[in-house]
C-alpha cells in the first residue's frame, strides 16, 4: 500500500537505468509488466523465462537510445557482415 501512496519518481541524475524500489520488491511483477509494455500478453510474459526476458529487455533498452547516441553496439557475426571473409 505504501508504494501506491508514495510512487517512485525519477530524479534527473538517476538516469534511465536506475532501478526502482518496486522492481526490487516485486521482481516477477516488474518483469511481467515490462514485457506487457512491449506487446507480450500476460500469459506469454508470465511463462517467459528469465533468459528470454533479459534478451527482450536488452533489445527494448537499446531501441530506446537514439541511434546516433549508441555506444558499444554488438552485432551478431555472419558471413554477410564479416569483412575478413571477403
Protein backbone atom coordinates (compact mmCIF):
# COMPACT_ATOMS: atom_id res chain seq x y z
CA UNK A 1 0.00 0.00 0.00
CA UNK A 2 2.89 2.36 0.71
CA UNK A 3 4.08 2.02 -2.90
CA UNK A 4 0.69 3.16 -4.14
CA UNK A 5 0.60 6.10 -1.75
CA UNK A 6 4.23 7.08 -2.47
CA UNK A 7 5.11 6.10 -6.05
CA UNK A 8 8.71 6.20 -7.15
CA UNK A 9 9.61 9.31 -9.10
CA UNK A 10 12.64 9.79 -11.29
CA UNK A 11 15.39 12.23 -10.37
CA UNK A 12 17.19 13.82 -13.27
CA UNK A 13 20.53 12.47 -12.04
CA UNK A 14 19.38 8.84 -11.74
CA UNK A 15 19.18 8.21 -15.47
CA UNK A 16 17.04 5.61 -17.20
CA UNK A 17 18.95 2.62 -15.81
CA UNK A 18 18.17 3.37 -12.15
CA UNK A 19 16.22 0.51 -10.58
CA UNK A 20 13.05 1.40 -8.68
CA UNK A 21 12.21 0.02 -5.25
CA UNK A 22 9.08 -1.52 -6.78
CA UNK A 23 11.11 -3.63 -9.20
CA UNK A 24 13.34 -4.75 -6.33
CA UNK A 25 10.36 -5.57 -4.10
CA UNK A 26 8.24 -7.25 -6.81
CA UNK A 27 10.69 -8.58 -9.43
CA UNK A 28 8.23 -11.03 -11.04
CA UNK A 29 5.53 -8.40 -11.42
CA UNK A 30 8.06 -5.87 -12.77
CA UNK A 31 9.27 -8.44 -15.31
CA UNK A 32 5.71 -9.21 -16.46
CA UNK A 33 4.79 -5.52 -16.77
CA UNK A 34 7.93 -4.71 -18.73
CA UNK A 35 7.13 -7.49 -21.21
CA UNK A 36 3.49 -6.46 -21.48
CA UNK A 37 4.61 -2.89 -22.23
CA UNK A 38 6.34 -4.30 -25.30
CA UNK A 39 3.34 -6.19 -26.63
CA UNK A 40 3.51 -9.59 -24.97
CA UNK A 41 0.30 -10.95 -23.47
CA UNK A 42 0.07 -11.53 -19.71
CA UNK A 43 0.22 -15.29 -20.24
CA UNK A 44 3.27 -15.06 -22.51
CA UNK A 45 5.01 -12.71 -20.10
CA UNK A 46 4.23 -14.81 -17.02
CA UNK A 47 5.58 -18.01 -18.57
CA UNK A 48 8.65 -16.47 -20.19
CA UNK A 49 11.93 -17.46 -18.56
CA UNK A 50 14.46 -15.03 -17.18
CA UNK A 51 16.85 -15.68 -20.04
CA UNK A 52 14.30 -14.67 -22.67
CA UNK A 53 13.17 -11.71 -20.58
CA UNK A 54 16.75 -10.40 -20.36
CA UNK A 55 17.14 -10.68 -24.13
CA UNK A 56 13.91 -8.75 -24.87
CA UNK A 57 14.59 -6.21 -22.13
CA UNK A 58 18.06 -5.56 -23.57
CA UNK A 59 16.59 -5.03 -27.03
CA UNK A 60 13.94 -2.66 -25.68
CA UNK A 61 16.57 -0.69 -23.75
CA UNK A 62 18.79 -0.43 -26.84
CA UNK A 63 15.90 0.74 -29.01
CA UNK A 64 15.10 3.50 -26.53
CA UNK A 65 18.51 5.10 -27.24
CA UNK A 66 18.66 7.23 -30.39
CA UNK A 67 20.90 5.54 -32.97
CA UNK A 68 23.39 8.43 -33.07
CA UNK A 69 23.85 8.23 -29.27
CA UNK A 70 24.56 4.47 -29.01
CA UNK A 71 27.95 3.11 -28.00
CA UNK A 72 29.19 -0.43 -27.55
CA UNK A 73 26.85 -1.98 -30.09
CA UNK A 74 27.23 -5.71 -30.68
CA UNK A 75 26.24 -7.25 -33.99
CA UNK A 76 25.76 -10.99 -34.40
CA UNK A 77 28.51 -12.25 -36.68
CA UNK A 78 27.51 -13.73 -40.02
CA UNK A 79 29.35 -14.29 -43.27
CA UNK A 80 27.45 -11.37 -44.81
CA UNK A 81 28.77 -8.81 -42.30
CA UNK A 82 32.29 -10.17 -41.67
CA UNK A 83 34.72 -8.20 -43.84
CA UNK A 84 37.58 -10.60 -43.03
CA UNK A 85 35.83 -13.31 -45.06
CA UNK A 86 35.79 -11.20 -48.25
